Amino acid sequence: MSLKMGLSMVEVKGDALLVIRKSQSNGLDKPKKGACIRDIQQLKRGFQICWFKHTPRMANRVAHTLATKGLKRG
């Protein structure tokens, strides 16, 4: 969605520290998590600048609730 909106800089926040760390790197990961990380790494190439920041789960509660409701609605 961000690429379609023409954004060139994005900040991605998440509460999964391992995913945030792996997304910042360009290294490969184990097959189970590797597919998700590869997708993230590929998408980040579309932006001029892409930051990844870890956010504690409690601080991420509103985003989690919105995402969950969005998925339920389709």
C-alpha atoms as a PDB file:
ATOM      1  CA  MET A   1       0.000   0.000   0.000  1.00  0.00           C
ATOM      2  CA  SER A   2       2.815   2.422   0.889  1.00  0.00           C
ATOM      3  CA  LEU A   3       4.503   1.858  -2.475  1.00  0.00           C
ATOM      4  CA  LYS A   4       1.231   2.466  -4.311  1.00  0.00           C
ATOM      5  CA  MET A   5       0.839   5.716  -2.373  1.00  0.00           C
ATOM      6  CA  GLY A   6       4.239   6.827  -3.652  1.00  0.00           C
ATOM      7  CA  LEU A   7       5.971   6.916  -0.282  1.00  0.00           C
ATOM      8  CA  SER A   8       9.760   6.778  -0.489  1.00  0.00           C
ATOM      9  CA  MET A   9      10.533   6.626   3.249  1.00  0.00           C
ATOM     10  CA  VAL A  10       8.814   4.366   5.756  1.00  0.00           C
ATOM     11  CA  GLU A  11       9.259   3.397   9.385  1.00  0.00           C
ATOM     12  CA  VAL A  12       8.132  -0.096  10.276  1.00  0.00           C
ATOM     13  CA  LYS A  13       7.478  -0.861  13.928  1.00  0.00           C
ATOM     14  CA  GLY A  14       6.838  -4.302  15.325  1.00  0.00           C
ATOM     15  CA  ASP A  15       6.836  -6.222  18.578  1.00  0.00           C
ATOM     16  CA  ALA A  16       8.667  -9.296  17.245  1.00  0.00           C
ATOM     17  CA  LEU A  17      12.303  -8.408  17.934  1.00  0.00           C
ATOM     18  CA  LEU A  18      13.692 -11.319  15.888  1.00  0.00           C
ATOM     19  CA  VAL A  19      11.689 -10.280  12.823  1.00  0.00           C
ATOM     20  CA  ILE A  20      12.791  -6.648  13.217  1.00  0.00           C
ATOM     21  CA  ARG A  21      16.466  -7.666  13.463  1.00  0.00           C
ATOM     22  CA  LYS A  22      16.297 -10.051  10.514  1.00  0.00           C
ATOM     23  CA  SER A  23      14.418  -7.475   8.419  1.00  0.00           C
ATOM     24  CA  GLN A  24      17.197  -4.941   8.955  1.00  0.00           C
ATOM     25  CA  SER A  25      19.793  -7.333   7.575  1.00  0.00           C
ATOM     26  CA  ASN A  26      20.146  -8.816   4.117  1.00  0.00           C
ATOM     27  CA  GLY A  27      21.107 -12.279   5.341  1.00  0.00           C
ATOM     28  CA  LEU A  28      19.171 -15.483   4.773  1.00  0.00           C
ATOM     29  CA  ASP A  29      17.187 -17.225   7.486  1.00  0.00           C
ATOM     30  CA  LYS A  30      15.851 -20.702   8.227  1.00  0.00           C
ATOM     31  CA  PRO A  31      13.134 -21.877   5.821  1.00  0.00           C
ATOM     32  CA  LYS A  32      10.250 -21.564   8.299  1.00  0.00           C
ATOM     33  CA  LYS A  33      10.768 -17.870   9.027  1.00  0.00           C
ATOM     34  CA  GLY A  34      12.874 -17.268   5.958  1.00  0.00           C
ATOM     35  CA  ALA A  35       9.948 -16.824   3.564  1.00  0.00           C
ATOM     36  CA  CYS A  36       8.483 -14.003   5.651  1.00  0.00           C
ATOM     37  CA  ILE A  37      11.881 -12.326   6.062  1.00  0.00           C
ATOM     38  CA  ARG A  38      12.611 -12.631   2.319  1.00  0.00           C
ATOM     39  CA  ASP A  39       9.262 -10.980   1.526  1.00  0.00           C
ATOM     40  CA  ILE A  40      10.046  -8.128   3.903  1.00  0.00           C
ATOM     41  CA  GLN A  41      13.552  -7.684   2.497  1.00  0.00           C
ATOM     42  CA  GLN A  42      12.214  -7.618  -1.052  1.00  0.00           C
ATOM     43  CA  LEU A  43       9.507  -5.071  -0.213  1.00  0.00           C
ATOM     44  CA  LYS A  44      11.951  -2.771   1.568  1.00  0.00           C
ATOM     45  CA  ARG A  45      13.979  -2.439  -1.632  1.00  0.00           C
ATOM     46  CA  GLY A  46      11.099  -0.450  -3.107  1.00  0.00           C
ATOM     47  CA  PHE A  47      11.735   2.414  -0.699  1.00  0.00           C
ATOM     48  CA  GLN A  48      14.593   4.873  -0.653  1.00  0.00           C
ATOM     49  CA  ILE A  49      14.711   4.649   3.140  1.00  0.00           C
ATOM     50  CA  CYS A  50      13.161   1.958   5.310  1.00  0.00           C
ATOM     51  CA  TRP A  51      13.649   1.887   9.101  1.00  0.00           C
ATOM     52  CA  PHE A  52      12.736  -1.008  11.341  1.00  0.00           C
ATOM     53  CA  LYS A  53      12.149  -0.351  15.029  1.00  0.00           C
ATOM     54  CA  HIS A  54      11.202  -2.695  17.842  1.00  0.00           C
ATOM     55  CA  THR A  55       8.185  -1.617  19.868  1.00  0.00           C
ATOM     56  CA  PRO A  56       7.106  -3.354  23.070  1.00  0.00           C
ATOM     57  CA  ARG A  57       3.855  -5.273  22.672  1.00  0.00           C
ATOM     58  CA  MET A  58       1.998  -3.015  25.106  1.00  0.00           C
ATOM     59  CA  ALA A  59       2.887   0.045  23.019  1.00  0.00           C
ATOM     60  CA  ASN A  60       1.751  -1.790  19.900  1.00  0.00           C
ATOM     61  CA  ARG A  61      -1.683  -2.762  21.264  1.00  0.00           C
ATOM     62  CA  VAL A  62      -3.703  -0.248  19.185  1.00  0.00           C
ATOM     63  CA  ALA A  63      -2.027  -1.303  15.939  1.00  0.00           C
ATOM     64  CA  HIS A  64      -2.585  -4.972  16.797  1.00  0.00           C
ATOM     65  CA  THR A  65      -6.274  -4.376  17.497  1.00  0.00           C
ATOM     66  CA  LEU A  66      -6.783  -2.462  14.242  1.00  0.00           C
ATOM     67  CA  ALA A  67      -4.985  -5.115  12.199  1.00  0.00           C
ATOM     68  CA  THR A  68      -7.005  -7.906  13.817  1.00  0.00           C
ATOM     69  CA  LYS A  69     -10.302  -6.145  13.129  1.00  0.00           C
ATOM     70  CA  GLY A  70      -9.240  -5.445   9.554  1.00  0.00           C
ATOM     71  CA  LEU A  71      -8.435  -9.108   8.956  1.00  0.00           C
ATOM     72  CA  LYS A  72     -11.806 -10.193  10.347  1.00  0.00           C
ATOM     73  CA  ARG A  73     -13.641  -7.831   7.998  1.00  0.00           C
ATOM     74  CA  GLY A  74     -11.691  -9.052   5.003  1.00  0.00           C
END
